[in-house]
Amino acid sequence: MIKSEEIINRQFSRAFWGYDIGEVDEFLDEIIRGNERAEQELEIAQLRIKMLLEELEHYTGKKETAQEAAEESEEPPQKEAPTRPEQDDGSAAEQKDAQNGAPEGAKKEEVKMEPVTIRYAKLEDLDAVTAAEATCFPPAEAASRERIEARLKVFPNNFWVAEMDGHVIGFINGMACDRRTIIDEMFADANMHDDAGAWQSVMSIGVLPEYQRHGIAARLMQTLIDDARAAGRKGCTLTCKDRLIHYYAKFGYKDEGVSVSEHGGAVWYDMVLEF
């Protein structure tokens, strides 16, 4: 985000009729993008705080506000740092449970696993999925609340969540379309979905870090694959980073090289599963 000092000290070239309009417009666009990112990060942080307070109430039976929780702390309230999974940030298919492929000796905090249910997502899951997305991915790659809401409304039958003890702990979603590989416009426009589309895309898949390495991502992926097969589609398509190519290969996806997608400013690889 641009600092105030940078704005004050910014110098522009003078053109024949005054300052170079192109330079000024480019600088203003940069300010707008920075403010938009800051607003999105604030909204995600607020959702995360809300979920943590609800979880605290679940275990303590006491309802607290963010202010009350801060007042009871021995230290003054601080801005919470973004929560990031321990390992790779996944795929444009935004997968974070790929730690299933991590070495057996990898250290991870154990949690008590209750039965996990895979079901279609509902609009009521919006806050939970938004918070989970923000936890699993860096801001540049995480889908905003608005985009997740659009997906829930446009293709609810192509959106699943993993639920344990009444809480959403993982998710997978993706539009159906006639494109064999993913392009960036698909992340921004849910209306590109076509119920009769030949290909099932994977636009986002993630599992909260504390529930990874329990095969939940694999169950979510297999659910999507089975549904696509039953719907008579040609196959499934996703993009991932190079270190996760081997993970998706376990499901039958084939590496087709570097993708045209530049989602989040990263390098992605097209992975295609043909039935």
C-alpha atoms as a PDB file:
ATOM      1  CA  MET A   1       0.000   0.000   0.000  1.00  0.00           C
ATOM      2  CA  ILE A   2       1.309   3.472  -0.868  1.00  0.00           C
ATOM      3  CA  LYS A   3       2.454   5.498   2.140  1.00  0.00           C
ATOM      4  CA  SER A   4       1.474   9.138   2.652  1.00  0.00           C
ATOM      5  CA  GLU A   5       5.123  10.192   2.347  1.00  0.00           C
ATOM      6  CA  GLU A   6       5.315   8.632  -1.123  1.00  0.00           C
ATOM      7  CA  ILE A   7       2.241  10.576  -2.235  1.00  0.00           C
ATOM      8  CA  ILE A   8       3.659  13.862  -0.899  1.00  0.00           C
ATOM      9  CA  ASN A   9       7.094  13.357  -2.484  1.00  0.00           C
ATOM     10  CA  ARG A  10       5.898  11.940  -5.821  1.00  0.00           C
ATOM     11  CA  GLN A  11       7.261  13.923  -8.801  1.00  0.00           C
ATOM     12  CA  PHE A  12       5.682  13.947 -12.261  1.00  0.00           C
ATOM     13  CA  SER A  13       7.239  14.830 -15.597  1.00  0.00           C
ATOM     14  CA  ARG A  14       6.044  18.013 -17.269  1.00  0.00           C
ATOM     15  CA  ALA A  15       4.559  17.664 -20.735  1.00  0.00           C
ATOM     16  CA  PHE A  16       3.853  20.465 -23.195  1.00  0.00           C
ATOM     17  CA  TRP A  17       0.494  21.303 -21.604  1.00  0.00           C
ATOM     18  CA  GLY A  18       1.508  20.537 -17.989  1.00  0.00           C
ATOM     19  CA  TYR A  19       2.073  17.307 -16.091  1.00  0.00           C
ATOM     20  CA  ASP A  20       2.121  14.029 -17.985  1.00  0.00           C
ATOM     21  CA  ILE A  21      -1.482  12.810 -17.727  1.00  0.00           C
ATOM     22  CA  GLY A  22      -0.458   9.187 -18.230  1.00  0.00           C
ATOM     23  CA  GLU A  23       1.910   9.254 -15.260  1.00  0.00           C
ATOM     24  CA  VAL A  24      -0.697  10.895 -13.017  1.00  0.00           C
ATOM     25  CA  ASP A  25      -3.407   8.404 -14.030  1.00  0.00           C
ATOM     26  CA  GLU A  26      -1.059   5.459 -13.452  1.00  0.00           C
ATOM     27  CA  PHE A  27      -0.154   6.769  -9.986  1.00  0.00           C
ATOM     28  CA  LEU A  28      -3.820   7.301  -9.049  1.00  0.00           C
ATOM     29  CA  ASP A  29      -4.644   3.765 -10.243  1.00  0.00           C
ATOM     30  CA  GLU A  30      -1.873   2.463  -7.984  1.00  0.00           C
ATOM     31  CA  ILE A  31      -3.391   4.306  -5.019  1.00  0.00           C
ATOM     32  CA  ILE A  32      -6.848   2.886  -5.790  1.00  0.00           C
ATOM     33  CA  ARG A  33      -5.513  -0.683  -6.021  1.00  0.00           C
ATOM     34  CA  GLY A  34      -3.678  -0.267  -2.722  1.00  0.00           C
ATOM     35  CA  ASN A  35      -6.791   1.005  -0.964  1.00  0.00           C
ATOM     36  CA  GLU A  36      -8.897  -1.819  -2.416  1.00  0.00           C
ATOM     37  CA  ARG A  37      -6.399  -4.391  -1.113  1.00  0.00           C
ATOM     38  CA  ALA A  38      -6.414  -2.746   2.320  1.00  0.00           C
ATOM     39  CA  GLU A  39     -10.221  -2.768   2.452  1.00  0.00           C
ATOM     40  CA  GLN A  40     -10.342  -6.451   1.462  1.00  0.00           C
ATOM     41  CA  GLU A  41      -7.737  -7.417   4.072  1.00  0.00           C
ATOM     42  CA  LEU A  42      -9.660  -5.495   6.758  1.00  0.00           C
ATOM     43  CA  GLU A  43     -12.924  -7.219   5.845  1.00  0.00           C
ATOM     44  CA  ILE A  44     -11.253 -10.637   5.928  1.00  0.00           C
ATOM     45  CA  ALA A  45      -9.655  -9.881   9.312  1.00  0.00           C
ATOM     46  CA  GLN A  46     -13.028  -8.834  10.729  1.00  0.00           C
ATOM     47  CA  LEU A  47     -14.618 -12.071   9.502  1.00  0.00           C
ATOM     48  CA  ARG A  48     -11.788 -14.081  11.030  1.00  0.00           C
ATOM     49  CA  ILE A  49     -12.252 -12.314  14.394  1.00  0.00           C
ATOM     50  CA  LYS A  50     -15.982 -13.005  14.253  1.00  0.00           C
ATOM     51  CA  MET A  51     -15.381 -16.715  13.648  1.00  0.00           C
ATOM     52  CA  LEU A  52     -12.791 -16.944  16.435  1.00  0.00           C
ATOM     53  CA  LEU A  53     -15.203 -15.294  18.890  1.00  0.00           C
ATOM     54  CA  GLU A  54     -17.950 -17.731  17.871  1.00  0.00           C
ATOM     55  CA  GLU A  55     -15.548 -20.626  18.387  1.00  0.00           C
ATOM     56  CA  LEU A  56     -14.564 -19.227  21.794  1.00  0.00           C
ATOM     57  CA  GLU A  57     -18.237 -19.017  22.751  1.00  0.00           C
ATOM     58  CA  HIS A  58     -18.720 -22.625  21.616  1.00  0.00           C
ATOM     59  CA  TYR A  59     -16.037 -23.874  23.997  1.00  0.00           C
ATOM     60  CA  THR A  60     -16.566 -21.503  26.953  1.00  0.00           C
ATOM     61  CA  GLY A  61     -20.276 -20.835  26.778  1.00  0.00           C
ATOM     62  CA  LYS A  62     -19.506 -17.122  27.206  1.00  0.00           C
ATOM     63  CA  LYS A  63     -20.267 -14.606  24.486  1.00  0.00           C
ATOM     64  CA  GLU A  64     -17.617 -11.903  24.135  1.00  0.00           C
ATOM     65  CA  THR A  65     -17.107  -8.965  21.866  1.00  0.00           C
ATOM     66  CA  ALA A  66     -13.719  -8.194  20.327  1.00  0.00           C
ATOM     67  CA  GLN A  67     -13.366  -5.241  22.725  1.00  0.00           C
ATOM     68  CA  GLU A  68     -14.138  -7.353  25.815  1.00  0.00           C
ATOM     69  CA  ALA A  69     -11.658 -10.013  24.739  1.00  0.00           C
ATOM     70  CA  ALA A  70      -8.975  -7.340  24.337  1.00  0.00           C
ATOM     71  CA  GLU A  71      -9.728  -5.793  27.752  1.00  0.00           C
ATOM     72  CA  GLU A  72      -9.338  -9.157  29.495  1.00  0.00           C
ATOM     73  CA  SER A  73      -5.931  -9.712  27.928  1.00  0.00           C
ATOM     74  CA  GLU A  74      -2.810  -8.808  29.908  1.00  0.00           C
ATOM     75  CA  GLU A  75      -1.410  -7.104  26.823  1.00  0.00           C
ATOM     76  CA  PRO A  76      -2.959  -4.247  24.834  1.00  0.00           C
ATOM     77  CA  PRO A  77      -4.897  -5.327  21.738  1.00  0.00           C
ATOM     78  CA  GLN A  78      -2.770  -5.729  18.627  1.00  0.00           C
ATOM     79  CA  LYS A  79      -3.574  -6.207  15.015  1.00  0.00           C
ATOM     80  CA  GLU A  80      -3.594  -9.915  14.251  1.00  0.00           C
ATOM     81  CA  ALA A  81      -1.037 -10.968  11.670  1.00  0.00           C
ATOM     82  CA  PRO A  82      -2.432 -12.843   8.665  1.00  0.00           C
ATOM     83  CA  THR A  83      -2.623 -16.567   9.330  1.00  0.00           C
ATOM     84  CA  ARG A  84      -0.681 -18.599   6.774  1.00  0.00           C
ATOM     85  CA  PRO A  85      -0.423 -22.371   6.384  1.00  0.00           C
ATOM     86  CA  GLU A  86       2.992 -23.810   7.168  1.00  0.00           C
ATOM     87  CA  GLN A  87       3.757 -24.958   3.667  1.00  0.00           C
ATOM     88  CA  ASP A  88       3.048 -24.169   0.028  1.00  0.00           C
ATOM     89  CA  ASP A  89       0.246 -21.735  -0.730  1.00  0.00           C
ATOM     90  CA  GLY A  90      -1.446 -24.159  -3.101  1.00  0.00           C
ATOM     91  CA  SER A  91      -2.983 -23.570  -6.494  1.00  0.00           C
ATOM     92  CA  ALA A  92      -5.117 -21.192  -8.474  1.00  0.00           C
ATOM     93  CA  ALA A  93      -7.336 -24.038  -7.880  1.00  0.00           C
ATOM     94  CA  GLU A  94      -6.171 -22.550  -4.534  1.00  0.00           C
ATOM     95  CA  GLN A  95      -5.441 -25.874  -2.783  1.00  0.00           C
ATOM     96  CA  LYS A  96      -3.972 -25.829   0.665  1.00  0.00           C
ATOM     97  CA  ASP A  97      -4.375 -29.387   1.840  1.00  0.00           C
ATOM     98  CA  ALA A  98      -1.576 -30.598  -0.427  1.00  0.00           C
ATOM     99  CA  GLN A  99       0.376 -31.304   2.728  1.00  0.00           C
ATOM    100  CA  ASN A 100      -1.085 -34.787   2.246  1.00  0.00           C
ATOM    101  CA  GLY A 101       1.958 -35.259   0.067  1.00  0.00           C
ATOM    102  CA  ALA A 102       4.373 -33.941   2.713  1.00  0.00           C
ATOM    103  CA  PRO A 103       6.900 -36.249   4.393  1.00  0.00           C
ATOM    104  CA  GLU A 104       5.517 -38.425   7.148  1.00  0.00           C
ATOM    105  CA  GLY A 105       7.848 -36.788   9.651  1.00  0.00           C
ATOM    106  CA  ALA A 106       6.373 -33.318   9.100  1.00  0.00           C
ATOM    107  CA  LYS A 107       5.312 -31.745  12.374  1.00  0.00           C
ATOM    108  CA  LYS A 108       1.724 -30.538  12.731  1.00  0.00           C
ATOM    109  CA  GLU A 109      -0.451 -29.913  15.738  1.00  0.00           C
ATOM    110  CA  GLU A 110      -2.886 -32.771  16.252  1.00  0.00           C
ATOM    111  CA  VAL A 111      -6.594 -32.072  16.609  1.00  0.00           C
ATOM    112  CA  LYS A 112      -9.343 -34.441  17.589  1.00  0.00           C
ATOM    113  CA  MET A 113     -11.094 -35.493  14.388  1.00  0.00           C
ATOM    114  CA  GLU A 114     -14.837 -35.921  14.488  1.00  0.00           C
ATOM    115  CA  PRO A 115     -16.775 -37.391  11.533  1.00  0.00           C
ATOM    116  CA  VAL A 116     -16.482 -35.138   8.475  1.00  0.00           C
ATOM    117  CA  THR A 117     -19.422 -34.544   6.124  1.00  0.00           C
ATOM    118  CA  ILE A 118     -19.081 -33.381   2.526  1.00  0.00           C
ATOM    119  CA  ARG A 119     -22.167 -31.466   1.377  1.00  0.00           C
ATOM    120  CA  TYR A 120     -23.257 -28.773  -1.049  1.00  0.00           C
ATOM    121  CA  ALA A 121     -22.452 -25.295   0.210  1.00  0.00           C
ATOM    122  CA  LYS A 122     -25.241 -22.888   1.148  1.00  0.00           C
ATOM    123  CA  LEU A 123     -25.371 -19.110   1.153  1.00  0.00           C
ATOM    124  CA  GLU A 124     -25.324 -19.337   4.955  1.00  0.00           C
ATOM    125  CA  ASP A 125     -21.757 -20.690   4.652  1.00  0.00           C
ATOM    126  CA  LEU A 126     -20.526 -17.461   3.062  1.00  0.00           C
ATOM    127  CA  ASP A 127     -18.728 -16.033   6.108  1.00  0.00           C
ATOM    128  CA  ALA A 128     -17.144 -19.364   7.029  1.00  0.00           C
ATOM    129  CA  VAL A 129     -15.873 -20.038   3.500  1.00  0.00           C
ATOM    130  CA  THR A 130     -14.584 -16.454   3.123  1.00  0.00           C
ATOM    131  CA  ALA A 131     -12.634 -16.734   6.376  1.00  0.00           C
ATOM    132  CA  ALA A 132     -11.256 -20.146   5.387  1.00  0.00           C
ATOM    133  CA  GLU A 133     -10.184 -18.835   1.981  1.00  0.00           C
ATOM    134  CA  ALA A 134      -8.386 -15.927   3.646  1.00  0.00           C
ATOM    135  CA  THR A 135      -6.624 -18.318   6.028  1.00  0.00           C
ATOM    136  CA  CYS A 136      -5.477 -20.653   3.272  1.00  0.00           C
ATOM    137  CA  PHE A 137      -4.223 -18.136   0.711  1.00  0.00           C
ATOM    138  CA  PRO A 138      -2.297 -14.869   0.498  1.00  0.00           C
ATOM    139  CA  PRO A 139      -4.393 -11.756  -0.254  1.00  0.00           C
ATOM    140  CA  ALA A 140      -3.344 -11.634  -3.907  1.00  0.00           C
ATOM    141  CA  GLU A 141      -4.778 -15.114  -4.512  1.00  0.00           C
ATOM    142  CA  ALA A 142      -7.699 -15.331  -2.076  1.00  0.00           C
ATOM    143  CA  ALA A 143     -11.154 -14.812  -3.551  1.00  0.00           C
ATOM    144  CA  SER A 144     -13.044 -11.890  -2.030  1.00  0.00           C
ATOM    145  CA  ARG A 145     -16.300 -12.259  -0.132  1.00  0.00           C
ATOM    146  CA  GLU A 146     -18.166 -10.807  -3.112  1.00  0.00           C
ATOM    147  CA  ARG A 147     -16.697 -13.356  -5.536  1.00  0.00           C
ATOM    148  CA  ILE A 148     -17.427 -16.257  -3.207  1.00  0.00           C
ATOM    149  CA  GLU A 149     -20.991 -15.013  -2.759  1.00  0.00           C
ATOM    150  CA  ALA A 150     -21.418 -14.832  -6.539  1.00  0.00           C
ATOM    151  CA  ARG A 151     -20.226 -18.426  -6.912  1.00  0.00           C
ATOM    152  CA  LEU A 152     -22.623 -19.622  -4.213  1.00  0.00           C
ATOM    153  CA  LYS A 153     -25.500 -17.937  -6.027  1.00  0.00           C
ATOM    154  CA  VAL A 154     -24.587 -18.847  -9.620  1.00  0.00           C
ATOM    155  CA  PHE A 155     -23.335 -22.444  -9.256  1.00  0.00           C
ATOM    156  CA  PRO A 156     -24.362 -23.824  -5.821  1.00  0.00           C
ATOM    157  CA  ASN A 157     -24.330 -27.367  -7.227  1.00  0.00           C
ATOM    158  CA  ASN A 158     -20.630 -26.964  -8.089  1.00  0.00           C
ATOM    159  CA  PHE A 159     -19.637 -25.815  -4.613  1.00  0.00           C
ATOM    160  CA  TRP A 160     -19.000 -28.206  -1.710  1.00  0.00           C
ATOM    161  CA  VAL A 161     -17.863 -27.813   1.893  1.00  0.00           C
ATOM    162  CA  ALA A 162     -16.363 -30.213   4.409  1.00  0.00           C
ATOM    163  CA  GLU A 163     -18.147 -29.864   7.732  1.00  0.00           C
ATOM    164  CA  MET A 164     -17.154 -31.198  11.140  1.00  0.00           C
ATOM    165  CA  ASP A 165     -19.154 -30.706  14.331  1.00  0.00           C
ATOM    166  CA  GLY A 166     -21.224 -28.007  12.628  1.00  0.00           C
ATOM    167  CA  HIS A 167     -18.191 -26.018  11.444  1.00  0.00           C
ATOM    168  CA  VAL A 168     -16.925 -25.566   7.866  1.00  0.00           C
ATOM    169  CA  ILE A 169     -13.313 -26.755   7.776  1.00  0.00           C
ATOM    170  CA  GLY A 170     -12.753 -27.071   4.034  1.00  0.00           C
ATOM    171  CA  PHE A 171     -14.262 -26.324   0.618  1.00  0.00           C
ATOM    172  CA  ILE A 172     -13.980 -26.835  -3.129  1.00  0.00           C
ATOM    173  CA  ASN A 173     -15.716 -25.025  -5.967  1.00  0.00           C
ATOM    174  CA  GLY A 174     -15.490 -24.364  -9.678  1.00  0.00           C
ATOM    175  CA  MET A 175     -17.713 -23.420 -12.579  1.00  0.00           C
ATOM    176  CA  ALA A 176     -18.608 -25.703 -15.456  1.00  0.00           C
ATOM    177  CA  CYS A 177     -17.783 -24.333 -18.905  1.00  0.00           C
ATOM    178  CA  ASP A 178     -16.590 -25.350 -22.364  1.00  0.00           C
ATOM    179  CA  ARG A 179     -13.017 -24.190 -21.762  1.00  0.00           C
ATOM    180  CA  ARG A 180     -10.525 -27.029 -21.427  1.00  0.00           C
ATOM    181  CA  THR A 181      -8.123 -24.828 -19.435  1.00  0.00           C
ATOM    182  CA  ILE A 182      -8.619 -21.975 -16.980  1.00  0.00           C
ATOM    183  CA  ILE A 183      -8.264 -18.266 -17.742  1.00  0.00           C
ATOM    184  CA  ASP A 184      -8.167 -15.426 -15.216  1.00  0.00           C
ATOM    185  CA  GLU A 185     -11.565 -14.051 -16.251  1.00  0.00           C
ATOM    186  CA  MET A 186     -13.177 -17.148 -14.751  1.00  0.00           C
ATOM    187  CA  PHE A 187     -12.059 -16.124 -11.248  1.00  0.00           C
ATOM    188  CA  ALA A 188     -13.643 -12.696 -11.629  1.00  0.00           C
ATOM    189  CA  ASP A 189     -16.920 -13.550 -13.390  1.00  0.00           C
ATOM    190  CA  ALA A 190     -19.051 -16.348 -11.934  1.00  0.00           C
ATOM    191  CA  ASN A 191     -21.556 -15.843 -14.753  1.00  0.00           C
ATOM    192  CA  MET A 192     -19.171 -17.594 -17.133  1.00  0.00           C
ATOM    193  CA  HIS A 193     -20.573 -20.788 -15.605  1.00  0.00           C
ATOM    194  CA  ASP A 194     -22.609 -23.000 -17.923  1.00  0.00           C
ATOM    195  CA  ASP A 195     -24.611 -25.866 -16.433  1.00  0.00           C
ATOM    196  CA  ALA A 196     -24.155 -27.767 -19.695  1.00  0.00           C
ATOM    197  CA  GLY A 197     -20.422 -27.034 -19.878  1.00  0.00           C
ATOM    198  CA  ALA A 198     -18.163 -29.879 -20.995  1.00  0.00           C
ATOM    199  CA  TRP A 199     -15.483 -29.246 -18.363  1.00  0.00           C
ATOM    200  CA  GLN A 200     -15.633 -28.952 -14.578  1.00  0.00           C
ATOM    201  CA  SER A 201     -13.087 -26.452 -13.319  1.00  0.00           C
ATOM    202  CA  VAL A 202     -11.513 -26.307  -9.863  1.00  0.00           C
ATOM    203  CA  MET A 203     -11.235 -22.652  -8.958  1.00  0.00           C
ATOM    204  CA  SER A 204     -10.682 -22.975  -5.232  1.00  0.00           C
ATOM    205  CA  ILE A 205      -9.949 -25.813  -2.830  1.00  0.00           C
ATOM    206  CA  GLY A 206      -8.695 -25.465   0.717  1.00  0.00           C
ATOM    207  CA  VAL A 207      -8.717 -27.002   4.179  1.00  0.00           C
ATOM    208  CA  LEU A 208      -8.014 -25.133   7.402  1.00  0.00           C
ATOM    209  CA  PRO A 209      -4.394 -25.810   8.442  1.00  0.00           C
ATOM    210  CA  GLU A 210      -5.255 -27.579  11.695  1.00  0.00           C
ATOM    211  CA  TYR A 211      -7.354 -30.154   9.793  1.00  0.00           C
ATOM    212  CA  GLN A 212      -4.892 -30.899   6.999  1.00  0.00           C
ATOM    213  CA  ARG A 213      -3.130 -34.258   6.524  1.00  0.00           C
ATOM    214  CA  HIS A 214      -6.358 -36.131   7.210  1.00  0.00           C
ATOM    215  CA  GLY A 215      -7.377 -36.717   3.590  1.00  0.00           C
ATOM    216  CA  ILE A 216     -10.115 -34.066   3.605  1.00  0.00           C
ATOM    217  CA  ALA A 217      -8.866 -32.299   0.472  1.00  0.00           C
ATOM    218  CA  ALA A 218      -8.737 -35.661  -1.301  1.00  0.00           C
ATOM    219  CA  ARG A 219     -12.365 -36.336  -0.353  1.00  0.00           C
ATOM    220  CA  LEU A 220     -13.413 -32.917  -1.612  1.00  0.00           C
ATOM    221  CA  MET A 221     -11.559 -33.396  -4.901  1.00  0.00           C
ATOM    222  CA  GLN A 222     -12.977 -36.893  -5.415  1.00  0.00           C
ATOM    223  CA  THR A 223     -16.489 -35.568  -4.764  1.00  0.00           C
ATOM    224  CA  LEU A 224     -16.049 -32.965  -7.505  1.00  0.00           C
ATOM    225  CA  ILE A 225     -14.596 -35.536  -9.917  1.00  0.00           C
ATOM    226  CA  ASP A 226     -17.392 -38.035  -9.264  1.00  0.00           C
ATOM    227  CA  ASP A 227     -20.040 -35.357  -9.754  1.00  0.00           C
ATOM    228  CA  ALA A 228     -18.459 -34.212 -13.039  1.00  0.00           C
ATOM    229  CA  ARG A 229     -18.315 -37.783 -14.298  1.00  0.00           C
ATOM    230  CA  ALA A 230     -21.959 -38.405 -13.334  1.00  0.00           C
ATOM    231  CA  ALA A 231     -22.957 -35.192 -15.135  1.00  0.00           C
ATOM    232  CA  GLY A 232     -21.431 -36.534 -18.367  1.00  0.00           C
ATOM    233  CA  ARG A 233     -18.665 -33.941 -18.608  1.00  0.00           C
ATOM    234  CA  LYS A 234     -15.445 -34.533 -20.555  1.00  0.00           C
ATOM    235  CA  GLY A 235     -13.287 -34.075 -17.482  1.00  0.00           C
ATOM    236  CA  CYS A 236     -11.928 -31.614 -14.922  1.00  0.00           C
ATOM    237  CA  THR A 237      -9.442 -28.768 -15.209  1.00  0.00           C
ATOM    238  CA  LEU A 238      -7.384 -26.741 -12.740  1.00  0.00           C
ATOM    239  CA  THR A 239      -4.163 -24.768 -12.413  1.00  0.00           C
ATOM    240  CA  CYS A 240      -1.502 -25.308  -9.768  1.00  0.00           C
ATOM    241  CA  LYS A 241       2.038 -24.324  -8.860  1.00  0.00           C
ATOM    242  CA  ASP A 242       4.865 -26.613  -9.948  1.00  0.00           C
ATOM    243  CA  ARG A 243       5.420 -28.122  -6.503  1.00  0.00           C
ATOM    244  CA  LEU A 244       1.851 -29.470  -6.441  1.00  0.00           C
ATOM    245  CA  ILE A 245       1.826 -31.099  -9.862  1.00  0.00           C
ATOM    246  CA  HIS A 246       2.625 -34.476  -8.263  1.00  0.00           C
ATOM    247  CA  TYR A 247      -0.282 -34.113  -5.818  1.00  0.00           C
ATOM    248  CA  TYR A 248      -2.929 -33.626  -8.500  1.00  0.00           C
ATOM    249  CA  ALA A 249      -1.350 -36.346 -10.622  1.00  0.00           C
ATOM    250  CA  LYS A 250      -2.561 -38.787  -7.958  1.00  0.00           C
ATOM    251  CA  PHE A 251      -6.129 -38.064  -9.098  1.00  0.00           C
ATOM    252  CA  GLY A 252      -5.268 -38.591 -12.761  1.00  0.00           C
ATOM    253  CA  TYR A 253      -4.600 -34.978 -13.762  1.00  0.00           C
ATOM    254  CA  LYS A 254      -1.994 -34.512 -16.504  1.00  0.00           C
ATOM    255  CA  ASP A 255       0.449 -31.599 -16.626  1.00  0.00           C
ATOM    256  CA  GLU A 256      -0.024 -29.572 -19.832  1.00  0.00           C
ATOM    257  CA  GLY A 257       2.602 -26.921 -19.152  1.00  0.00           C
ATOM    258  CA  VAL A 258       2.573 -23.299 -18.062  1.00  0.00           C
ATOM    259  CA  SER A 259      -0.896 -21.767 -17.978  1.00  0.00           C
ATOM    260  CA  VAL A 260      -1.940 -18.458 -19.518  1.00  0.00           C
ATOM    261  CA  SER A 261      -3.388 -17.608 -16.098  1.00  0.00           C
ATOM    262  CA  GLU A 262      -1.438 -15.050 -14.076  1.00  0.00           C
ATOM    263  CA  HIS A 263      -3.757 -15.190 -11.069  1.00  0.00           C
ATOM    264  CA  GLY A 264      -2.214 -13.389  -8.099  1.00  0.00           C
ATOM    265  CA  GLY A 265       0.933 -12.679 -10.098  1.00  0.00           C
ATOM    266  CA  ALA A 266       2.153 -16.288  -9.830  1.00  0.00           C
ATOM    267  CA  VAL A 267       3.202 -18.936 -12.380  1.00  0.00           C
ATOM    268  CA  TRP A 268       0.605 -21.695 -12.777  1.00  0.00           C
ATOM    269  CA  TYR A 269       0.500 -25.000 -14.643  1.00  0.00           C
ATOM    270  CA  ASP A 270      -2.525 -26.361 -16.480  1.00  0.00           C
ATOM    271  CA  MET A 271      -3.661 -29.724 -15.127  1.00  0.00           C
ATOM    272  CA  VAL A 272      -6.343 -31.652 -17.023  1.00  0.00           C
ATOM    273  CA  LEU A 273      -8.190 -34.846 -16.096  1.00  0.00           C
ATOM    274  CA  GLU A 274      -9.954 -36.450 -19.066  1.00  0.00           C
ATOM    275  CA  PHE A 275     -12.605 -39.089 -18.440  1.00  0.00           C
END
